[in-house]
Amino acid sequence: MVQAEEMIGLINAWQITGNQQYLKKMVDIWYYITKFIINVKYGECNAIINKFNQVITTGDRVGFWKGPYHNTRACIEVINRLV
């Protein structure tokens, strides 16, 4: 998921510059993820969201790069850097 990588990039920018706007934007992305992307009913994250924040249900929900890499890595990175 693109937003997972975006969160890590924003944390990098915040750690390098100390600019709180990067951290605020990262939190905004997390709220977007929790509202539109995380699929509470079926688990995992929705794979595709259109520009109207509607879930596109065709295709796989989990893929090799999405679940084990992007999503998991983002969670581990965020926890390690903010806790």
PDB file of N, CA and C in Angstrom:
ATOM      1  N   MET A   1       0.844  -1.171   0.000  1.00  0.00           N
ATOM      2  CA  MET A   1       0.000   0.000   0.000  1.00  0.00           C
ATOM      3  C   MET A   1       0.892   1.237   0.000  1.00  0.00           C
ATOM      4  N   VAL A   2       0.594   2.149  -0.842  1.00  0.00           N
ATOM      5  CA  VAL A   2       1.380   3.375  -1.003  1.00  0.00           C
ATOM      6  C   VAL A   2       1.426   4.171   0.293  1.00  0.00           C
ATOM      7  N   GLN A   3       0.317   4.212   0.993  1.00  0.00           N
ATOM      8  CA  GLN A   3       0.247   5.004   2.220  1.00  0.00           C
ATOM      9  C   GLN A   3       1.195   4.486   3.298  1.00  0.00           C
ATOM     10  N   ALA A   4       1.453   3.188   3.306  1.00  0.00           N
ATOM     11  CA  ALA A   4       2.391   2.622   4.279  1.00  0.00           C
ATOM     12  C   ALA A   4       3.784   3.193   4.052  1.00  0.00           C
ATOM     13  N   GLU A   5       4.211   3.230   2.799  1.00  0.00           N
ATOM     14  CA  GLU A   5       5.526   3.794   2.474  1.00  0.00           C
ATOM     15  C   GLU A   5       5.552   5.295   2.728  1.00  0.00           C
ATOM     16  N   GLU A   6       4.421   5.950   2.479  1.00  0.00           N
ATOM     17  CA  GLU A   6       4.342   7.392   2.723  1.00  0.00           C
ATOM     18  C   GLU A   6       4.532   7.703   4.207  1.00  0.00           C
ATOM     19  N   MET A   7       3.939   6.894   5.085  1.00  0.00           N
ATOM     20  CA  MET A   7       4.110   7.118   6.522  1.00  0.00           C
ATOM     21  C   MET A   7       5.584   7.044   6.912  1.00  0.00           C
ATOM     22  N   ILE A   8       6.289   6.063   6.390  1.00  0.00           N
ATOM     23  CA  ILE A   8       7.707   5.914   6.719  1.00  0.00           C
ATOM     24  C   ILE A   8       8.507   7.105   6.199  1.00  0.00           C
ATOM     25  N   GLY A   9       8.215   7.529   4.978  1.00  0.00           N
ATOM     26  CA  GLY A   9       8.900   8.706   4.421  1.00  0.00           C
ATOM     27  C   GLY A   9       8.656   9.955   5.249  1.00  0.00           C
ATOM     28  N   LEU A  10       7.444  10.142   5.714  1.00  0.00           N
ATOM     29  CA  LEU A  10       7.128  11.315   6.534  1.00  0.00           C
ATOM     30  C   LEU A  10       7.827  11.255   7.888  1.00  0.00           C
ATOM     31  N   ILE A  11       7.923  10.064   8.460  1.00  0.00           N
ATOM     32  CA  ILE A  11       8.671   9.932   9.718  1.00  0.00           C
ATOM     33  C   ILE A  11      10.151  10.223   9.481  1.00  0.00           C
ATOM     34  N   ASN A  12      10.691   9.746   8.364  1.00  0.00           N
ATOM     35  CA  ASN A  12      12.089  10.071   8.022  1.00  0.00           C
ATOM     36  C   ASN A  12      12.289  11.578   7.960  1.00  0.00           C
ATOM     37  N   ALA A  13      11.395  12.256   7.243  1.00  0.00           N
ATOM     38  CA  ALA A  13      11.510  13.709   7.091  1.00  0.00           C
ATOM     39  C   ALA A  13      11.415  14.407   8.444  1.00  0.00           C
ATOM     40  N   TRP A  14      10.501  13.959   9.299  1.00  0.00           N
ATOM     41  CA  TRP A  14      10.352  14.547  10.624  1.00  0.00           C
ATOM     42  C   TRP A  14      11.610  14.328  11.474  1.00  0.00           C
ATOM     43  N   GLN A  15      12.169  13.094  11.429  1.00  0.00           N
ATOM     44  CA  GLN A  15      13.362  12.809  12.226  1.00  0.00           C
ATOM     45  C   GLN A  15      14.567  13.617  11.747  1.00  0.00           C
ATOM     46  N   ILE A  16      14.656  13.831  10.461  1.00  0.00           N
ATOM     47  CA  ILE A  16      15.797  14.580   9.908  1.00  0.00           C
ATOM     48  C   ILE A  16      15.665  16.076  10.176  1.00  0.00           C
ATOM     49  N   THR A  17      14.466  16.615   9.984  1.00  0.00           N
ATOM     50  CA  THR A  17      14.288  18.071  10.063  1.00  0.00           C
ATOM     51  C   THR A  17      13.740  18.553  11.399  1.00  0.00           C
ATOM     52  N   GLY A  18      13.024  17.700  12.110  1.00  0.00           N
ATOM     53  CA  GLY A  18      12.360  18.122  13.333  1.00  0.00           C
ATOM     54  C   GLY A  18      11.080  18.903  13.076  1.00  0.00           C
ATOM     55  N   ASN A  19      10.689  19.033  11.817  1.00  0.00           N
ATOM     56  CA  ASN A  19       9.496  19.778  11.436  1.00  0.00           C
ATOM     57  C   ASN A  19       8.248  18.968  11.797  1.00  0.00           C
ATOM     58  N   GLN A  20       7.451  19.490  12.718  1.00  0.00           N
ATOM     59  CA  GLN A  20       6.264  18.799  13.207  1.00  0.00           C
ATOM     60  C   GLN A  20       5.199  18.585  12.139  1.00  0.00           C
ATOM     61  N   GLN A  21       5.235  19.370  11.064  1.00  0.00           N
ATOM     62  CA  GLN A  21       4.259  19.213   9.986  1.00  0.00           C
ATOM     63  C   GLN A  21       4.357  17.819   9.356  1.00  0.00           C
ATOM     64  N   TYR A  22       5.575  17.279   9.273  1.00  0.00           N
ATOM     65  CA  TYR A  22       5.745  15.926   8.729  1.00  0.00           C
ATOM     66  C   TYR A  22       5.081  14.889   9.631  1.00  0.00           C
ATOM     67  N   LEU A  23       5.243  15.050  10.919  1.00  0.00           N
ATOM     68  CA  LEU A  23       4.630  14.123  11.863  1.00  0.00           C
ATOM     69  C   LEU A  23       3.105  14.244  11.814  1.00  0.00           C
ATOM     70  N   LYS A  24       2.591  15.468  11.730  1.00  0.00           N
ATOM     71  CA  LYS A  24       1.146  15.679  11.634  1.00  0.00           C
ATOM     72  C   LYS A  24       0.591  15.016  10.375  1.00  0.00           C
ATOM     73  N   LYS A  25       1.295  15.167   9.261  1.00  0.00           N
ATOM     74  CA  LYS A  25       0.845  14.554   8.015  1.00  0.00           C
ATOM     75  C   LYS A  25       0.852  13.029   8.127  1.00  0.00           C
ATOM     76  N   MET A  26       1.849  12.472   8.808  1.00  0.00           N
ATOM     77  CA  MET A  26       1.907  11.027   9.011  1.00  0.00           C
ATOM     78  C   MET A  26       0.690  10.557   9.793  1.00  0.00           C
ATOM     79  N   VAL A  27       0.308  11.284  10.821  1.00  0.00           N
ATOM     80  CA  VAL A  27      -0.875  10.935  11.609  1.00  0.00           C
ATOM     81  C   VAL A  27      -2.128  11.034  10.739  1.00  0.00           C
ATOM     82  N   ASP A  28      -2.201  12.065   9.894  1.00  0.00           N
ATOM     83  CA  ASP A  28      -3.340  12.200   8.969  1.00  0.00           C
ATOM     84  C   ASP A  28      -3.445  10.987   8.049  1.00  0.00           C
ATOM     85  N   ILE A  29      -2.305  10.517   7.542  1.00  0.00           N
ATOM     86  CA  ILE A  29      -2.291   9.329   6.675  1.00  0.00           C
ATOM     87  C   ILE A  29      -2.771   8.108   7.459  1.00  0.00           C
ATOM     88  N   TRP A  30      -2.336   7.978   8.718  1.00  0.00           N
ATOM     89  CA  TRP A  30      -2.766   6.846   9.534  1.00  0.00           C
ATOM     90  C   TRP A  30      -4.289   6.867   9.713  1.00  0.00           C
ATOM     91  N   TYR A  31      -4.859   8.044   9.974  1.00  0.00           N
ATOM     92  CA  TYR A  31      -6.318   8.132  10.107  1.00  0.00           C
ATOM     93  C   TYR A  31      -7.008   7.752   8.803  1.00  0.00           C
ATOM     94  N   TYR A  32      -6.459   8.146   7.670  1.00  0.00           N
ATOM     95  CA  TYR A  32      -7.020   7.763   6.369  1.00  0.00           C
ATOM     96  C   TYR A  32      -6.994   6.236   6.215  1.00  0.00           C
ATOM     97  N   ILE A  33      -5.864   5.643   6.572  1.00  0.00           N
ATOM     98  CA  ILE A  33      -5.724   4.185   6.482  1.00  0.00           C
ATOM     99  C   ILE A  33      -6.774   3.494   7.347  1.00  0.00           C
ATOM    100  N   THR A  34      -6.942   3.965   8.579  1.00  0.00           N
ATOM    101  CA  THR A  34      -7.908   3.324   9.473  1.00  0.00           C
ATOM    102  C   THR A  34      -9.348   3.523   9.009  1.00  0.00           C
ATOM    103  N   LYS A  35      -9.622   4.629   8.343  1.00  0.00           N
ATOM    104  CA  LYS A  35     -10.986   4.912   7.902  1.00  0.00           C
ATOM    105  C   LYS A  35     -11.350   4.207   6.590  1.00  0.00           C
ATOM    106  N   PHE A  36     -10.410   4.175   5.628  1.00  0.00           N
ATOM    107  CA  PHE A  36     -10.742   3.704   4.289  1.00  0.00           C
ATOM    108  C   PHE A  36     -10.036   2.420   3.848  1.00  0.00           C
ATOM    109  N   ILE A  37      -8.918   2.091   4.435  1.00  0.00           N
ATOM    110  CA  ILE A  37      -8.111   1.002   3.881  1.00  0.00           C
ATOM    111  C   ILE A  37      -8.168  -0.275   4.711  1.00  0.00           C
ATOM    112  N   ILE A  38      -8.062  -0.173   6.023  1.00  0.00           N
ATOM    113  CA  ILE A  38      -8.104  -1.381   6.849  1.00  0.00           C
ATOM    114  C   ILE A  38      -9.495  -2.009   6.742  1.00  0.00           C
ATOM    115  N   ASN A  39      -9.512  -3.293   6.422  1.00  0.00           N
ATOM    116  CA  ASN A  39     -10.765  -4.020   6.281  1.00  0.00           C
ATOM    117  C   ASN A  39     -10.995  -4.817   7.561  1.00  0.00           C
ATOM    118  N   VAL A  40     -11.745  -4.236   8.481  1.00  0.00           N
ATOM    119  CA  VAL A  40     -11.976  -4.850   9.783  1.00  0.00           C
ATOM    120  C   VAL A  40     -12.758  -6.154   9.650  1.00  0.00           C
ATOM    121  N   LYS A  41     -13.694  -6.200   8.742  1.00  0.00           N
ATOM    122  CA  LYS A  41     -14.557  -7.379   8.600  1.00  0.00           C
ATOM    123  C   LYS A  41     -13.776  -8.613   8.152  1.00  0.00           C
ATOM    124  N   TYR A  42     -12.890  -8.459   7.166  1.00  0.00           N
ATOM    125  CA  TYR A  42     -12.189  -9.602   6.584  1.00  0.00           C
ATOM    126  C   TYR A  42     -10.710  -9.670   6.968  1.00  0.00           C
ATOM    127  N   GLY A  43     -10.198  -8.673   7.635  1.00  0.00           N
ATOM    128  CA  GLY A  43      -8.783  -8.642   7.975  1.00  0.00           C
ATOM    129  C   GLY A  43      -7.957  -8.090   6.827  1.00  0.00           C
ATOM    130  N   GLU A  44      -6.724  -7.734   7.118  1.00  0.00           N
ATOM    131  CA  GLU A  44      -5.812  -7.181   6.103  1.00  0.00           C
ATOM    132  C   GLU A  44      -6.313  -5.820   5.645  1.00  0.00           C
ATOM    133  N   CYS A  45      -5.702  -5.288   4.645  1.00  0.00           N
ATOM    134  CA  CYS A  45      -6.076  -3.980   4.100  1.00  0.00           C
ATOM    135  C   CYS A  45      -6.682  -4.173   2.718  1.00  0.00           C
ATOM    136  N   ASN A  46      -7.611  -3.305   2.388  1.00  0.00           N
ATOM    137  CA  ASN A  46      -8.156  -3.337   1.036  1.00  0.00           C
ATOM    138  C   ASN A  46      -7.043  -3.020   0.048  1.00  0.00           C
ATOM    139  N   ALA A  47      -7.022  -3.726  -1.053  1.00  0.00           N
ATOM    140  CA  ALA A  47      -5.927  -3.579  -2.011  1.00  0.00           C
ATOM    141  C   ALA A  47      -6.045  -2.314  -2.849  1.00  0.00           C
ATOM    142  N   ILE A  48      -7.255  -1.969  -3.268  1.00  0.00           N
ATOM    143  CA  ILE A  48      -7.414  -0.835  -4.177  1.00  0.00           C
ATOM    144  C   ILE A  48      -8.563   0.045  -3.698  1.00  0.00           C
ATOM    145  N   ILE A  49      -8.288   1.341  -3.606  1.00  0.00           N
ATOM    146  CA  ILE A  49      -9.286   2.342  -3.265  1.00  0.00           C
ATOM    147  C   ILE A  49      -9.286   3.344  -4.418  1.00  0.00           C
ATOM    148  N   ASN A  50     -10.474   3.685  -4.923  1.00  0.00           N
ATOM    149  CA  ASN A  50     -10.510   4.660  -6.027  1.00  0.00           C
ATOM    150  C   ASN A  50     -10.458   6.091  -5.491  1.00  0.00           C
ATOM    151  N   LYS A  51     -10.498   7.065  -6.384  1.00  0.00           N
ATOM    152  CA  LYS A  51     -10.351   8.464  -5.976  1.00  0.00           C
ATOM    153  C   LYS A  51     -11.528   8.963  -5.150  1.00  0.00           C
ATOM    154  N   PHE A  52     -12.593   8.187  -5.081  1.00  0.00           N
ATOM    155  CA  PHE A  52     -13.753   8.531  -4.271  1.00  0.00           C
ATOM    156  C   PHE A  52     -13.756   7.771  -2.944  1.00  0.00           C
ATOM    157  N   ASN A  53     -12.616   7.145  -2.619  1.00  0.00           N
ATOM    158  CA  ASN A  53     -12.436   6.350  -1.401  1.00  0.00           C
ATOM    159  C   ASN A  53     -13.370   5.142  -1.342  1.00  0.00           C
ATOM    160  N   GLN A  54     -13.695   4.607  -2.498  1.00  0.00           N
ATOM    161  CA  GLN A  54     -14.513   3.405  -2.578  1.00  0.00           C
ATOM    162  C   GLN A  54     -13.603   2.209  -2.826  1.00  0.00           C
ATOM    163  N   VAL A  55     -13.890   1.113  -2.135  1.00  0.00           N
ATOM    164  CA  VAL A  55     -13.093  -0.106  -2.278  1.00  0.00           C
ATOM    165  C   VAL A  55     -13.398  -0.760  -3.612  1.00  0.00           C
ATOM    166  N   ILE A  56     -12.356  -1.121  -4.339  1.00  0.00           N
ATOM    167  CA  ILE A  56     -12.474  -1.905  -5.567  1.00  0.00           C
ATOM    168  C   ILE A  56     -12.260  -3.358  -5.153  1.00  0.00           C
ATOM    169  N   THR A  57     -13.269  -4.185  -5.351  1.00  0.00           N
ATOM    170  CA  THR A  57     -13.231  -5.547  -4.800  1.00  0.00           C
ATOM    171  C   THR A  57     -12.663  -6.585  -5.760  1.00  0.00           C
ATOM    172  N   THR A  58     -12.324  -6.201  -6.970  1.00  0.00           N
ATOM    173  CA  THR A  58     -11.731  -7.176  -7.888  1.00  0.00           C
ATOM    174  C   THR A  58     -10.261  -7.370  -7.537  1.00  0.00           C
ATOM    175  N   GLY A  59      -9.762  -8.524  -7.791  1.00  0.00           N
ATOM    176  CA  GLY A  59      -8.356  -8.804  -7.522  1.00  0.00           C
ATOM    177  C   GLY A  59      -8.134  -9.357  -6.129  1.00  0.00           C
ATOM    178  N   ASP A  60      -6.885  -9.661  -5.845  1.00  0.00           N
ATOM    179  CA  ASP A  60      -6.510 -10.258  -4.565  1.00  0.00           C
ATOM    180  C   ASP A  60      -6.454  -9.206  -3.463  1.00  0.00           C
ATOM    181  N   ARG A  61      -6.842  -9.614  -2.270  1.00  0.00           N
ATOM    182  CA  ARG A  61      -6.740  -8.726  -1.114  1.00  0.00           C
ATOM    183  C   ARG A  61      -5.303  -8.708  -0.585  1.00  0.00           C
ATOM    184  N   VAL A  62      -4.622  -9.833  -0.677  1.00  0.00           N
ATOM    185  CA  VAL A  62      -3.263  -9.943  -0.164  1.00  0.00           C
ATOM    186  C   VAL A  62      -2.343 -10.399  -1.285  1.00  0.00           C
ATOM    187  N   GLY A  63      -1.187  -9.799  -1.349  1.00  0.00           N
ATOM    188  CA  GLY A  63      -0.175 -10.196  -2.308  1.00  0.00           C
ATOM    189  C   GLY A  63       1.172 -10.291  -1.607  1.00  0.00           C
ATOM    190  N   PHE A  64       2.144 -10.841  -2.289  1.00  0.00           N
ATOM    191  CA  PHE A  64       3.461 -11.050  -1.684  1.00  0.00           C
ATOM    192  C   PHE A  64       4.069  -9.759  -1.149  1.00  0.00           C
ATOM    193  N   TRP A  65       4.006  -8.693  -1.924  1.00  0.00           N
ATOM    194  CA  TRP A  65       4.634  -7.444  -1.493  1.00  0.00           C
ATOM    195  C   TRP A  65       3.763  -6.645  -0.539  1.00  0.00           C
ATOM    196  N   LYS A  66       2.478  -6.684  -0.726  1.00  0.00           N
ATOM    197  CA  LYS A  66       1.579  -5.850   0.076  1.00  0.00           C
ATOM    198  C   LYS A  66       1.533  -6.270   1.543  1.00  0.00           C
ATOM    199  N   GLY A  67       1.124  -7.483   1.812  1.00  0.00           N
ATOM    200  CA  GLY A  67       0.946  -7.930   3.191  1.00  0.00           C
ATOM    201  C   GLY A  67       2.244  -8.098   3.960  1.00  0.00           C
ATOM    202  N   PRO A  68       3.090  -9.025   3.522  1.00  0.00           N
ATOM    203  CA  PRO A  68       4.295  -9.302   4.289  1.00  0.00           C
ATOM    204  C   PRO A  68       5.334  -8.183   4.249  1.00  0.00           C
ATOM    205  N   TYR A  69       5.342  -7.424   3.182  1.00  0.00           N
ATOM    206  CA  TYR A  69       6.389  -6.405   3.092  1.00  0.00           C
ATOM    207  C   TYR A  69       5.880  -5.018   3.463  1.00  0.00           C
ATOM    208  N   HIS A  70       5.112  -4.377   2.600  1.00  0.00           N
ATOM    209  CA  HIS A  70       4.742  -2.975   2.811  1.00  0.00           C
ATOM    210  C   HIS A  70       3.975  -2.754   4.116  1.00  0.00           C
ATOM    211  N   ASN A  71       2.905  -3.460   4.313  1.00  0.00           N
ATOM    212  CA  ASN A  71       2.069  -3.227   5.481  1.00  0.00           C
ATOM    213  C   ASN A  71       2.784  -3.574   6.781  1.00  0.00           C
ATOM    214  N   THR A  72       3.380  -4.750   6.823  1.00  0.00           N
ATOM    215  CA  THR A  72       4.070  -5.185   8.039  1.00  0.00           C
ATOM    216  C   THR A  72       5.268  -4.299   8.333  1.00  0.00           C
ATOM    217  N   ARG A  73       6.069  -4.030   7.329  1.00  0.00           N
ATOM    218  CA  ARG A  73       7.250  -3.179   7.503  1.00  0.00           C
ATOM    219  C   ARG A  73       6.862  -1.803   8.005  1.00  0.00           C
ATOM    220  N   ALA A  74       5.795  -1.223   7.451  1.00  0.00           N
ATOM    221  CA  ALA A  74       5.352   0.099   7.875  1.00  0.00           C
ATOM    222  C   ALA A  74       4.984   0.086   9.348  1.00  0.00           C
ATOM    223  N   CYS A  75       4.239  -0.918   9.773  1.00  0.00           N
ATOM    224  CA  CYS A  75       3.842  -0.991  11.185  1.00  0.00           C
ATOM    225  C   CYS A  75       5.052  -1.118  12.100  1.00  0.00           C
ATOM    226  N   ILE A  76       5.974  -1.993  11.736  1.00  0.00           N
ATOM    227  CA  ILE A  76       7.179  -2.179  12.558  1.00  0.00           C
ATOM    228  C   ILE A  76       8.009  -0.899  12.600  1.00  0.00           C
ATOM    229  N   GLU A  77       8.209  -0.260  11.463  1.00  0.00           N
ATOM    230  CA  GLU A  77       8.991   0.987  11.408  1.00  0.00           C
ATOM    231  C   GLU A  77       8.358   2.078  12.251  1.00  0.00           C
ATOM    232  N   VAL A  78       7.051   2.268  12.126  1.00  0.00           N
ATOM    233  CA  VAL A  78       6.361   3.317  12.875  1.00  0.00           C
ATOM    234  C   VAL A  78       6.471   3.046  14.364  1.00  0.00           C
ATOM    235  N   ILE A  79       6.216   1.818  14.778  1.00  0.00           N
ATOM    236  CA  ILE A  79       6.304   1.478  16.209  1.00  0.00           C
ATOM    237  C   ILE A  79       7.724   1.711  16.721  1.00  0.00           C
ATOM    238  N   ASN A  80       8.733   1.226  16.011  1.00  0.00           N
ATOM    239  CA  ASN A  80      10.115   1.369  16.464  1.00  0.00           C
ATOM    240  C   ASN A  80      10.564   2.820  16.555  1.00  0.00           C
ATOM    241  N   ARG A  81      10.063   3.654  15.666  1.00  0.00           N
ATOM    242  CA  ARG A  81      10.519   5.041  15.642  1.00  0.00           C
ATOM    243  C   ARG A  81       9.755   5.956  16.587  1.00  0.00           C
ATOM    244  N   LEU A  82       8.521   5.605  16.913  1.00  0.00           N
ATOM    245  CA  LEU A  82       7.717   6.500  17.729  1.00  0.00           C
ATOM    246  C   LEU A  82       7.562   6.052  19.184  1.00  0.00           C
ATOM    247  N   VAL A  83       7.939   4.820  19.483  1.00  0.00           N
ATOM    248  CA  VAL A  83       7.792   4.321  20.859  1.00  0.00           C
ATOM    249  C   VAL A  83       9.117   4.404  21.586  1.00  0.00           C
TER     250      VAL A  83
END
